Protein backbone atom coordinates (compact mmCIF):
# COMPACT_ATOMS: atom_id res chain seq x y z
CA UNK A 1 0.05 0.02 0.05
CA UNK A 2 0.87 3.62 -0.14
CA UNK A 3 2.14 5.27 3.08
CA UNK A 4 1.53 9.06 3.84
CA UNK A 5 3.22 11.47 6.23
CA UNK A 6 1.67 14.81 7.38
CA UNK A 7 4.29 17.54 7.55
CA UNK A 8 3.84 21.06 8.91
CA UNK A 9 5.97 23.45 6.79
CA UNK A 10 6.64 27.11 7.01
CA UNK A 11 5.82 29.88 9.62
CA UNK A 12 2.96 29.91 10.39
CA UNK A 13 2.81 26.08 9.63
CA UNK A 14 0.93 24.76 6.60
CA UNK A 15 -0.01 21.04 6.51
CA UNK A 16 1.51 19.15 3.58
CA UNK A 17 0.71 15.46 3.12
CA UNK A 18 3.32 13.52 1.12
CA UNK A 19 3.71 9.95 0.01
CA UNK A 20 6.64 8.08 1.45
CA UNK A 21 8.42 6.69 -1.55
CA UNK A 22 11.33 4.41 -0.52
CA UNK A 23 12.48 4.19 -4.15
CA UNK A 24 12.91 7.96 -4.54
CA UNK A 25 15.73 10.27 -3.30
CA UNK A 26 13.34 13.23 -2.66
CA UNK A 27 9.98 14.09 -1.15
CA UNK A 28 8.18 17.11 -2.46
CA UNK A 29 4.85 18.95 -2.46
CA UNK A 30 3.38 21.59 -4.80
CA UNK A 31 3.64 25.32 -4.17
CA UNK A 32 1.09 27.96 -5.02
CA UNK A 33 2.94 28.91 -8.22
CA UNK A 34 2.89 25.28 -9.58
CA UNK A 35 0.93 24.68 -12.75
CA UNK A 36 -0.16 21.27 -14.08
CA UNK A 37 0.60 19.79 -10.54
CA UNK A 38 -2.27 17.35 -10.14
CA UNK A 39 -4.87 19.66 -8.94
CA UNK A 40 -7.52 17.71 -7.20
CA UNK A 41 -5.17 14.75 -6.36
CA UNK A 42 -3.62 16.12 -3.16
CA UNK A 43 -4.91 15.86 0.34
CA UNK A 44 -3.86 19.39 1.26
CA UNK A 45 -4.00 22.81 -0.49
CA UNK A 46 -0.80 23.74 -2.22
CA UNK A 47 1.95 25.36 -0.05
CA UNK A 48 1.42 29.03 -0.16
CA UNK A 49 4.89 30.54 0.03
CA UNK A 50 3.54 34.15 0.25
CA UNK A 51 2.02 33.16 3.67
CA UNK A 52 5.37 31.82 5.13
CA UNK A 53 7.65 34.25 6.79
CA UNK A 54 10.52 31.60 6.65
CA UNK A 55 10.08 30.67 2.95
CA UNK A 56 13.34 31.48 0.80
CA UNK A 57 13.58 30.98 -2.74
CA UNK A 58 16.97 29.69 -4.02
CA UNK A 59 17.89 32.32 -6.75
CA UNK A 60 21.42 31.38 -7.34
CA UNK A 61 21.77 28.34 -9.66
CA UNK A 62 25.15 27.58 -8.01
CA UNK A 63 23.23 27.04 -4.72
CA UNK A 64 20.71 24.66 -6.26
CA UNK A 65 21.37 21.36 -4.52
CA UNK A 66 18.31 19.48 -5.89
CA UNK A 67 16.34 20.28 -8.96
CA UNK A 68 17.68 22.65 -11.48
CA UNK A 69 17.38 26.14 -12.88
CA UNK A 70 15.07 26.43 -15.81
CA UNK A 71 14.97 29.07 -18.60
CA UNK A 72 12.34 31.73 -17.90
CA UNK A 73 11.87 30.75 -14.29
CA UNK A 74 13.70 32.63 -11.44
CA UNK A 75 15.35 30.20 -9.20
CA UNK A 76 15.77 26.50 -8.41
CA UNK A 77 12.99 24.23 -9.53
CA UNK A 78 12.31 20.65 -8.44
CA UNK A 79 9.68 18.66 -10.29
CA UNK A 80 8.64 15.04 -10.02
CA UNK A 81 6.06 12.83 -11.64
CA UNK A 82 4.65 9.41 -11.03
């Protein structure tokens, strides 16, 4: 079966339910700017980074440890699909 974990992310905290995928190197959840991200298939609302005082966008591509910098998008982007 599928295993889920409820995370509380940001300040103030926002609940994000994620799938525990033991075959993957990353766990992620969609943010409010995400398009074509499985709307209607997530247990929680997308993470709203504008509501989080501790959210920081990685703008320097050299600091992008996971994901990559994409043309036409400001900062580091991580995407995954199942």
